[in-house]
Amino acid sequence: MTTLEKLKLIRGGKLSAEENIKSFLKEIEKNDQKGKKINAFLMLNPKAIEEAREVDKKIKNREAGKLAGLAIAVKSNICVQGLKASCASKTLEHYRASFNASVIEKIKEEDGIIIGMANMDEFACGSSGETSAFSVTKNPQALELVPGGSSSGSVAAVSAGFCDLALGSDTGGSIRNPASHCGVVGVKPSYGLVSRYGLIDLAMSLDQIGTIAGDVEGAKLLLDVIKGRDDKDAVTLVSDNNSKDKLKDKAGNEKGVLTIGIIKGIDKYCTKEISKLIDDKIKKLAKEYRLEIKEISPKIIDLAVQTYYPLVYVEFFSGTRKFDGRRFGRKIEDACGKEVLRRILGGGEISKEEYHGTYYRKALMAKQFIKKELEKDFEKVDFIILPSVPRLPHRLNSKISVEEMYNYDMFTIPANLAGICAMSLPCGKVGNVPVGIQLMCSAFEEEKMFDIAEKLERL
């Protein structure tokens, strides 16, 4: 059942909001809480059923909002008043948010129901879902494999059928990476489209709150609710690029033949099986909708990981100085796991006076270079398609190098560095493991991106 079909049932009185929430809670208790089969949730909303009853009253009076009765999981680094925003860390283990993030306020205004706080990589530091202080999240589609991260719990909750929709945060692929591994749709909006107020950030210049769903319509619906200008976040922008004229050129003329951009030599960066799956899907899309295919330079891939991590290390180090044990829980260095500590120590070293201008500022220059390269690419092509991740997820608790772990995000990082919109949606499977296909469009061209995504979904 699609998201819009579920909404129709609820609005039509054939399924109450209360019944919807209770069915999810029953499934969570059976496969997530008691048996710890998936471990997608760290905390459930004790008022979820009560809130659902209030929504049912609104539906009866024809006053319900766009998300009436839908169950939404929230990554545990986004503040929901009264619920734990622990960031899956012992540092904030007992911290309950005293306010709602702006995105949560918007969801509540449209009568969405927060069903619980989802597991994640600790402080969003990770690409596998294994660094949580409260045990790993498992991949619902292949229990022996990692689900990807850092929005592991949010994505796993949607994939396992524990909720209708979910919120995650994406710094360098943290929504798209697990969406690919778990076979769902994950969206990273353009930087500035969605307010970050109430997000406990990993790297403030890169983070965006995004949406997760089982289908493109669901991801779009939730994004339409949470996007928009927010006085509490100075970087949120109002853009007129999201017009209904999705497929027009910059002069406003109707587009003739659309052009798909593909990365030249992409097969050398990823496994043959993934490369073939993506290539076949691109050819099928081009044939079905009479699109052109044009190769673009791999420069954005070659520089991505090396540019991204100095920025993340420094910004994360700076952002975590408030976790000193005086105001929030415990001192982070005394309570955190290895990956969090690695980034704190690395950020501290890069920030030292003797390294001034050597790493962080050069990374900023490289970030601008990647942004300009993508801007040039989008003058030649209408959108870019590439794999979401270069390899299949590894087995839980297997030993892989830090470099291998960081390279999971080599295809997703460029979108964050450039501030453009991107999303992952299911492309097929290699064996029994889902593989995601990634779409990238220019900043604030979400409407175009969703239009293409719907075409891909129909293939």
Protein backbone atom coordinates (compact mmCIF):
# COMPACT_ATOMS: atom_id res chain seq x y z
CA MET A 1 0.00 0.00 0.00
CA THR A 2 1.41 3.41 -0.96
CA THR A 3 1.51 6.37 1.42
CA LEU A 4 -1.26 8.19 -0.41
CA GLU A 5 -3.42 5.05 -0.44
CA LYS A 6 -3.00 4.77 3.34
CA LEU A 7 -3.93 8.43 3.76
CA LYS A 8 -7.06 7.91 1.65
CA LEU A 9 -8.14 5.01 3.87
CA ILE A 10 -7.63 7.06 7.03
CA ARG A 11 -9.40 10.12 5.67
CA GLY A 12 -12.22 7.97 4.33
CA GLY A 13 -12.83 6.39 7.74
CA LYS A 14 -11.89 2.88 6.61
CA LEU A 15 -8.83 2.93 8.88
CA SER A 16 -8.62 5.07 11.99
CA ALA A 17 -5.45 6.83 13.07
CA GLU A 18 -5.65 4.91 16.33
CA GLU A 19 -5.82 1.57 14.48
CA ASN A 20 -2.88 2.62 12.33
CA ILE A 21 -0.70 3.48 15.33
CA LYS A 22 -1.73 0.38 17.31
CA SER A 23 -0.87 -1.93 14.41
CA PHE A 24 2.61 -0.42 14.18
CA LEU A 25 3.16 -0.60 17.94
CA LYS A 26 2.17 -4.26 17.89
CA GLU A 27 4.65 -4.96 15.10
CA ILE A 28 7.38 -3.02 16.90
CA GLU A 29 6.79 -4.94 20.14
CA LYS A 30 6.97 -8.22 18.27
CA ASN A 31 10.00 -7.62 16.05
CA ASP A 32 11.90 -4.66 17.50
CA GLN A 33 11.48 -4.30 21.24
CA LYS A 34 11.26 -7.76 22.79
CA GLY A 35 13.25 -9.87 20.40
CA LYS A 36 15.55 -6.98 19.41
CA LYS A 37 15.32 -8.39 15.92
CA ILE A 38 15.92 -5.03 14.24
CA ASN A 39 16.63 -2.57 17.10
CA ALA A 40 15.30 0.37 15.08
CA PHE A 41 13.87 2.30 18.03
CA LEU A 42 15.50 3.63 21.19
CA MET A 43 12.28 5.03 22.63
CA LEU A 44 8.58 4.90 21.74
CA ASN A 45 6.21 7.81 22.21
CA PRO A 46 4.01 6.91 25.23
CA LYS A 47 1.38 9.40 24.03
CA ALA A 48 1.15 8.09 20.45
CA ILE A 49 -2.23 6.37 20.87
CA GLU A 50 -3.66 9.35 22.75
CA GLU A 51 -2.46 11.68 19.97
CA ALA A 52 -3.97 9.35 17.35
CA ARG A 53 -7.38 9.60 19.05
CA GLU A 54 -7.18 13.38 18.85
CA VAL A 55 -6.38 13.13 15.14
CA ASP A 56 -9.40 10.86 14.63
CA LYS A 57 -11.60 13.59 16.12
CA LYS A 58 -10.14 16.07 13.63
CA ILE A 59 -10.73 13.66 10.75
CA LYS A 60 -14.34 13.25 11.81
CA ASN A 61 -14.74 17.03 11.82
CA ARG A 62 -12.88 17.34 8.51
CA GLU A 63 -10.17 19.45 10.13
CA ALA A 64 -7.22 17.04 9.75
CA GLY A 65 -3.94 18.04 8.13
CA LYS A 66 -1.87 16.61 5.29
CA LEU A 67 -0.31 13.83 7.40
CA ALA A 68 -3.50 12.85 9.23
CA GLY A 69 -2.86 9.70 11.26
CA LEU A 70 0.45 8.68 9.69
CA ALA A 71 3.13 7.23 11.99
CA ILE A 72 6.51 8.95 11.75
CA ALA A 73 9.82 7.78 13.24
CA VAL A 74 12.37 10.44 14.18
CA LYS A 75 16.15 10.10 14.27
CA SER A 76 17.39 10.58 17.82
CA ASN A 77 19.37 13.72 17.03
CA ILE A 78 16.17 15.69 16.25
CA CYS A 79 14.43 17.20 19.27
CA VAL A 80 10.89 16.07 20.12
CA GLN A 81 9.61 17.64 23.33
CA GLY A 82 9.50 15.14 26.18
CA LEU A 83 11.29 12.36 24.27
CA LYS A 84 14.96 11.41 24.52
CA ALA A 85 17.29 13.05 22.01
CA SER A 86 20.26 10.90 23.01
CA CYS A 87 22.03 10.83 19.63
CA ALA A 88 22.46 7.12 20.49
CA SER A 89 25.22 8.11 22.91
CA LYS A 90 25.85 7.50 26.61
CA THR A 91 26.75 11.20 26.72
CA LEU A 92 23.08 12.21 26.34
CA GLU A 93 21.54 8.94 27.51
CA HIS A 94 19.02 10.66 29.81
CA TYR A 95 18.54 13.94 27.93
CA ARG A 96 14.90 14.69 27.12
CA ALA A 97 14.28 17.50 24.68
CA SER A 98 12.58 20.53 26.23
CA PHE A 99 11.26 21.78 22.88
CA ASN A 100 10.26 20.64 19.42
CA ALA A 101 12.52 21.06 16.40
CA SER A 102 10.90 23.24 13.72
CA VAL A 103 10.30 20.18 11.52
CA ILE A 104 8.47 18.46 14.38
CA GLU A 105 6.24 21.51 14.90
CA LYS A 106 5.31 21.40 11.21
CA ILE A 107 4.57 17.66 11.34
CA LYS A 108 2.34 18.11 14.38
CA GLU A 109 0.50 21.00 12.70
CA GLU A 110 -0.36 18.61 9.85
CA ASP A 111 -1.43 15.86 12.30
CA GLY A 112 1.44 13.46 11.78
CA ILE A 113 2.06 11.26 14.83
CA ILE A 114 5.58 10.76 16.18
CA ILE A 115 5.72 7.06 16.98
CA GLY A 116 9.21 7.02 18.47
CA MET A 117 12.88 7.98 18.45
CA ALA A 118 15.02 5.91 16.12
CA ASN A 119 18.44 4.37 16.65
CA MET A 120 21.45 5.81 14.78
CA ASP A 121 25.21 5.88 14.62
CA GLU A 122 26.43 7.72 17.71
CA PHE A 123 26.21 11.49 17.11
CA ALA A 124 25.70 10.60 13.43
CA CYS A 125 29.34 9.45 13.22
CA GLY A 126 29.23 6.32 11.08
CA SER A 127 28.13 4.78 7.81
CA SER A 128 26.91 1.39 8.98
CA GLY A 129 24.57 1.70 12.00
CA GLU A 130 27.11 -0.11 14.19
CA THR A 131 28.42 2.75 16.35
CA SER A 132 25.27 3.25 18.47
CA ALA A 133 25.92 3.01 22.20
CA PHE A 134 22.68 1.03 22.48
CA SER A 135 23.46 -1.88 20.15
CA VAL A 136 23.53 -2.13 16.38
CA THR A 137 20.54 -1.78 14.09
CA LYS A 138 20.00 -4.71 11.74
CA ASN A 139 19.06 -4.55 8.08
CA PRO A 140 15.40 -5.70 7.79
CA GLN A 141 16.06 -6.97 4.25
CA ALA A 142 19.14 -9.00 5.23
CA LEU A 143 19.49 -9.44 8.99
CA GLU A 144 23.12 -10.52 8.84
CA LEU A 145 24.15 -7.27 7.11
CA VAL A 146 24.51 -3.67 8.27
CA PRO A 147 21.63 -1.32 7.38
CA GLY A 148 23.94 1.59 6.62
CA GLY A 149 24.11 4.84 8.53
CA SER A 150 24.00 7.11 10.19
CA SER A 151 20.17 7.26 9.92
CA SER A 152 20.06 3.51 10.43
CA GLY A 153 17.07 3.27 12.76
CA SER A 154 14.86 5.66 10.77
CA VAL A 155 15.46 3.78 7.53
CA ALA A 156 15.17 0.34 9.16
CA ALA A 157 11.86 1.36 10.75
CA VAL A 158 10.39 2.21 7.33
CA SER A 159 11.92 -0.85 5.67
CA ALA A 160 10.62 -3.19 8.41
CA GLY A 161 7.08 -1.77 8.32
CA PHE A 162 7.25 -0.16 11.78
CA CYS A 163 6.01 3.25 10.59
CA ASP A 164 4.71 5.07 7.53
CA LEU A 165 7.44 7.70 7.18
CA ALA A 166 10.61 8.83 8.95
CA LEU A 167 12.97 11.75 9.45
CA GLY A 168 16.74 11.43 9.25
CA SER A 169 19.67 13.77 8.85
CA ASP A 170 22.12 13.68 5.96
CA THR A 171 25.63 15.13 6.28
CA GLY A 172 27.39 13.14 3.57
CA GLY A 173 24.94 10.38 2.72
CA SER A 174 23.46 9.44 6.09
CA ILE A 175 19.95 9.07 4.63
CA ARG A 176 20.77 7.86 1.11
CA ASN A 177 23.34 5.26 2.21
CA PRO A 178 20.95 3.25 4.46
CA ALA A 179 18.03 3.87 2.08
CA SER A 180 20.05 2.06 -0.57
CA HIS A 181 20.96 -0.87 1.69
CA CYS A 182 17.41 -1.30 3.03
CA GLY A 183 15.46 -0.79 -0.20
CA VAL A 184 13.53 2.42 0.57
CA VAL A 185 13.38 6.02 -0.67
CA GLY A 186 15.62 8.56 1.07
CA VAL A 187 15.84 12.29 0.30
CA LYS A 188 18.56 14.85 1.05
CA PRO A 189 17.05 18.28 0.33
CA SER A 190 18.99 21.28 -0.94
CA TYR A 191 20.96 23.03 1.80
CA GLY A 192 18.67 25.67 3.26
CA LEU A 193 15.36 24.16 2.14
CA VAL A 194 14.60 22.62 5.55
CA SER A 195 15.17 24.22 8.95
CA ARG A 196 17.86 22.64 11.12
CA TYR A 197 16.57 24.27 14.30
CA GLY A 198 16.35 21.49 16.87
CA LEU A 199 18.85 19.23 15.10
CA ILE A 200 21.90 18.20 17.13
CA ASP A 201 24.27 18.64 14.23
CA LEU A 202 27.31 16.72 13.05
CA ALA A 203 28.65 19.42 10.72
CA MET A 204 26.57 22.58 10.47
CA SER A 205 27.70 23.58 6.96
CA LEU A 206 26.63 20.22 5.50
CA ASP A 207 23.72 18.83 7.55
CA GLN A 208 20.17 18.68 6.24
CA ILE A 209 17.12 17.01 7.74
CA GLY A 210 15.52 14.78 5.11
CA THR A 211 12.71 12.31 4.57
CA ILE A 212 12.40 8.53 4.27
CA ALA A 213 9.48 6.54 2.88
CA GLY A 214 8.56 3.33 1.13
CA ASP A 215 7.68 5.25 -2.04
CA VAL A 216 8.51 8.52 -3.78
CA GLU A 217 5.08 10.05 -3.05
CA GLY A 218 5.55 9.53 0.68
CA ALA A 219 9.01 11.10 0.76
CA LYS A 220 7.73 14.07 -1.25
CA LEU A 221 4.68 14.53 0.96
CA LEU A 222 6.74 14.71 4.15
CA LEU A 223 9.29 17.05 2.56
CA ASP A 224 6.50 19.38 1.40
CA VAL A 225 5.38 19.61 5.04
CA ILE A 226 8.76 20.28 6.67
CA LYS A 227 10.39 22.58 4.09
CA GLY A 228 10.32 26.37 4.07
CA ARG A 229 11.70 29.52 5.63
CA ASP A 230 12.25 29.47 9.39
CA ASP A 231 13.26 32.55 11.39
CA LYS A 232 15.01 30.25 13.86
CA ASP A 233 17.47 29.06 11.19
CA ALA A 234 19.19 31.85 9.26
CA VAL A 235 20.31 29.60 6.41
CA THR A 236 16.80 28.57 5.40
CA LEU A 237 15.91 30.09 2.05
CA VAL A 238 12.82 30.77 0.05
CA SER A 239 13.30 29.71 -3.57
CA ASP A 240 11.02 29.97 -6.58
CA ASN A 241 12.80 27.09 -8.32
CA ASN A 242 10.23 24.61 -7.00
CA SER A 243 7.63 25.69 -9.53
CA LYS A 244 5.16 23.29 -11.06
CA ASP A 245 6.94 23.75 -14.40
CA LYS A 246 9.30 20.93 -13.51
CA LEU A 247 10.99 20.36 -16.80
CA LYS A 248 11.74 23.80 -18.22
CA ASP A 249 15.10 25.25 -19.08
CA LYS A 250 16.60 28.29 -17.34
CA ALA A 251 14.91 30.64 -19.83
CA GLY A 252 11.50 29.20 -18.93
CA ASN A 253 10.99 27.37 -22.21
CA GLU A 254 9.58 23.86 -22.35
CA LYS A 255 12.39 21.34 -22.44
CA GLY A 256 12.67 19.16 -25.48
CA VAL A 257 14.90 16.17 -24.86
CA LEU A 258 16.14 15.87 -21.28
CA THR A 259 19.73 14.83 -20.68
CA ILE A 260 20.92 12.34 -18.09
CA GLY A 261 24.42 12.96 -16.76
CA ILE A 262 26.48 9.91 -15.89
CA ILE A 263 29.95 9.84 -14.32
CA LYS A 264 32.64 8.80 -16.78
CA GLY A 265 34.27 5.52 -15.73
CA ILE A 266 31.93 5.02 -12.77
CA ASP A 267 32.50 1.27 -12.91
CA LYS A 268 36.04 1.64 -11.57
CA TYR A 269 34.67 3.08 -8.32
CA CYS A 270 32.10 0.39 -7.51
CA THR A 271 31.40 -3.31 -7.85
CA LYS A 272 30.55 -4.73 -11.27
CA GLU A 273 27.15 -5.98 -10.09
CA ILE A 274 26.06 -2.55 -8.84
CA SER A 275 27.48 -0.79 -11.89
CA LYS A 276 25.58 -3.10 -14.25
CA LEU A 277 22.31 -2.73 -12.33
CA ILE A 278 22.51 1.08 -12.44
CA ASP A 279 23.62 1.12 -16.09
CA ASP A 280 20.71 -1.10 -17.13
CA LYS A 281 18.24 1.13 -15.28
CA ILE A 282 19.63 4.28 -16.92
CA LYS A 283 19.36 2.74 -20.39
CA LYS A 284 15.81 1.62 -19.66
CA LEU A 285 14.85 5.10 -18.43
CA ALA A 286 16.43 6.76 -21.46
CA LYS A 287 14.65 4.43 -23.86
CA GLU A 288 11.25 4.66 -22.15
CA TYR A 289 11.21 8.47 -21.98
CA ARG A 290 13.49 9.26 -24.96
CA LEU A 291 16.23 10.90 -22.91
CA GLU A 292 19.80 11.61 -23.95
CA ILE A 293 22.79 10.32 -22.00
CA LYS A 294 25.93 12.43 -21.59
CA GLU A 295 29.14 11.58 -19.72
CA ILE A 296 30.56 14.07 -17.22
CA SER A 297 33.95 14.23 -15.51
CA PRO A 298 34.61 12.16 -12.36
CA LYS A 299 36.30 15.14 -10.63
CA ILE A 300 33.52 15.41 -8.04
CA ILE A 301 34.06 11.77 -7.03
CA ASP A 302 37.85 11.88 -6.94
CA LEU A 303 37.95 14.74 -4.43
CA ALA A 304 34.82 14.04 -2.39
CA VAL A 305 36.01 11.96 0.58
CA GLN A 306 39.30 13.85 1.03
CA THR A 307 37.44 17.17 1.06
CA TYR A 308 34.59 16.06 3.29
CA TYR A 309 36.31 14.60 6.32
CA PRO A 310 38.56 17.56 7.32
CA LEU A 311 35.42 19.73 7.28
CA VAL A 312 33.41 17.23 9.32
CA TYR A 313 36.21 16.65 11.85
CA VAL A 314 36.69 20.36 12.56
CA GLU A 315 32.99 21.24 12.66
CA PHE A 316 32.15 18.23 14.81
CA PHE A 317 34.98 19.05 17.22
CA SER A 318 33.69 22.62 17.50
CA GLY A 319 30.07 21.56 17.90
CA THR A 320 30.78 19.06 20.68
CA ARG A 321 32.57 21.52 22.98
CA LYS A 322 29.21 22.16 24.66
CA PHE A 323 29.10 18.54 25.85
CA ASP A 324 31.49 19.26 28.70
CA GLY A 325 29.58 17.45 31.44
CA ARG A 326 28.29 20.67 33.03
CA ARG A 327 25.14 21.29 31.00
CA PHE A 328 24.27 18.09 29.14
CA GLY A 329 24.82 14.67 30.69
CA ARG A 330 28.41 13.46 30.74
CA LYS A 331 31.58 14.86 29.19
CA ILE A 332 31.61 13.51 25.65
CA GLU A 333 35.23 12.35 25.68
CA ASP A 334 34.52 10.24 28.78
CA ALA A 335 31.39 8.58 27.42
CA CYS A 336 31.67 8.27 23.64
CA GLY A 337 32.69 5.42 21.36
CA LYS A 338 35.77 5.06 19.15
CA GLU A 339 34.45 6.73 16.00
CA VAL A 340 33.18 9.78 17.86
CA LEU A 341 36.49 10.08 19.72
CA ARG A 342 38.43 9.70 16.45
CA ARG A 343 36.58 12.67 14.99
CA ILE A 344 36.96 14.79 18.12
CA LEU A 345 40.71 14.14 18.34
CA GLY A 346 41.15 14.62 14.60
CA GLY A 347 39.19 17.85 14.63
CA GLY A 348 41.19 19.12 17.59
CA GLU A 349 44.49 18.43 15.82
CA ILE A 350 43.39 20.08 12.57
CA SER A 351 42.18 23.10 14.54
CA LYS A 352 45.53 23.69 16.26
CA GLU A 353 47.31 26.93 15.49
CA GLU A 354 50.26 25.28 13.70
CA TYR A 355 47.89 23.76 11.14
CA HIS A 356 46.09 27.04 10.44
CA GLY A 357 45.25 27.17 6.76
CA THR A 358 46.75 23.78 5.99
CA TYR A 359 43.76 21.45 6.05
CA TYR A 360 40.40 23.04 6.90
CA ARG A 361 40.78 26.08 4.64
CA LYS A 362 42.08 23.98 1.77
CA ALA A 363 39.11 21.67 2.24
CA LEU A 364 36.84 24.73 2.00
CA MET A 365 38.54 25.66 -1.27
CA ALA A 366 38.04 22.13 -2.59
CA LYS A 367 34.39 22.29 -1.51
CA GLN A 368 33.91 25.42 -3.63
CA PHE A 369 35.69 23.74 -6.54
CA ILE A 370 33.31 20.74 -6.37
CA LYS A 371 30.32 23.09 -6.19
CA LYS A 372 31.47 24.98 -9.29
CA GLU A 373 32.21 21.76 -11.17
CA LEU A 374 28.68 20.53 -10.49
CA GLU A 375 27.25 23.87 -11.57
CA LYS A 376 29.12 23.49 -14.88
CA ASP A 377 27.80 19.93 -15.21
CA PHE A 378 24.22 21.07 -14.69
CA GLU A 379 24.63 23.53 -17.57
CA LYS A 380 25.17 20.48 -19.81
CA VAL A 381 22.76 17.97 -18.23
CA ASP A 382 19.36 18.16 -16.54
CA PHE A 383 20.12 15.68 -13.77
CA ILE A 384 22.81 13.20 -12.75
CA ILE A 385 22.28 9.51 -12.05
CA LEU A 386 24.81 7.31 -10.27
CA PRO A 387 24.83 4.54 -7.66
CA SER A 388 23.94 5.55 -4.11
CA VAL A 389 26.77 3.46 -2.66
CA PRO A 390 29.72 1.75 -4.38
CA ARG A 391 29.42 -1.64 -2.68
CA LEU A 392 26.99 -3.95 -0.92
CA PRO A 393 26.67 -3.66 2.87
CA HIS A 394 29.14 -5.70 4.90
CA ARG A 395 28.27 -8.31 7.51
CA LEU A 396 27.51 -7.10 11.02
CA ASN A 397 30.57 -6.94 13.30
CA SER A 398 33.00 -7.73 10.49
CA LYS A 399 36.29 -5.87 10.52
CA ILE A 400 36.70 -3.30 7.77
CA SER A 401 39.18 -0.44 7.63
CA VAL A 402 38.31 3.19 8.40
CA GLU A 403 39.09 4.02 4.76
CA GLU A 404 36.65 1.36 3.50
CA MET A 405 33.97 2.63 5.87
CA TYR A 406 34.43 6.24 4.76
CA ASN A 407 34.34 5.25 1.09
CA TYR A 408 30.74 4.05 1.45
CA ASP A 409 29.80 7.72 1.05
CA MET A 410 31.98 8.61 -1.92
CA PHE A 411 28.96 8.91 -4.27
CA THR A 412 26.72 10.77 -1.83
CA ILE A 413 29.16 13.32 -0.36
CA PRO A 414 29.32 15.62 -3.46
CA ALA A 415 25.66 16.63 -3.08
CA ASN A 416 26.29 17.82 0.49
CA LEU A 417 29.46 19.68 -0.45
CA ALA A 418 27.62 21.47 -3.27
CA GLY A 419 24.39 22.03 -1.33
CA ILE A 420 22.25 20.46 -4.08
CA CYS A 421 19.31 18.06 -3.74
CA ALA A 422 19.73 14.30 -4.07
CA MET A 423 17.84 11.13 -3.31
CA SER A 424 18.19 7.36 -3.34
CA LEU A 425 15.44 5.01 -4.48
CA PRO A 426 15.35 1.24 -4.99
CA CYS A 427 16.93 0.03 -8.23
CA GLY A 428 16.83 -3.72 -7.77
CA LYS A 429 18.79 -6.36 -5.90
CA VAL A 430 22.12 -8.13 -6.09
CA GLY A 431 21.27 -11.54 -4.71
CA ASN A 432 18.84 -10.72 -1.91
CA VAL A 433 20.41 -7.35 -1.07
CA PRO A 434 18.76 -4.09 -2.18
CA VAL A 435 20.72 -1.58 -4.27
CA GLY A 436 19.81 2.08 -4.56
CA ILE A 437 20.03 4.41 -7.54
CA GLN A 438 20.85 8.05 -6.80
CA LEU A 439 19.41 11.15 -8.46
CA MET A 440 21.05 14.57 -8.20
CA CYS A 441 19.62 17.89 -9.38
CA SER A 442 20.64 21.54 -9.00
CA ALA A 443 19.89 23.33 -5.74
CA PHE A 444 16.17 23.81 -5.10
CA GLU A 445 15.13 21.68 -8.06
CA GLU A 446 13.36 19.15 -5.87
CA GLU A 447 10.26 19.20 -8.09
CA LYS A 448 12.28 18.11 -11.10
CA MET A 449 14.05 15.47 -9.01
CA PHE A 450 10.77 13.98 -7.80
CA ASP A 451 9.36 14.01 -11.33
CA ILE A 452 12.30 11.92 -12.57
CA ALA A 453 12.15 9.71 -9.46
CA GLU A 454 8.52 8.87 -10.15
CA LYS A 455 9.47 7.88 -13.70
CA LEU A 456 12.23 5.63 -12.34
CA GLU A 457 9.86 4.14 -9.78
CA ARG A 458 7.37 3.21 -12.51
CA LEU A 459 9.94 1.33 -14.61
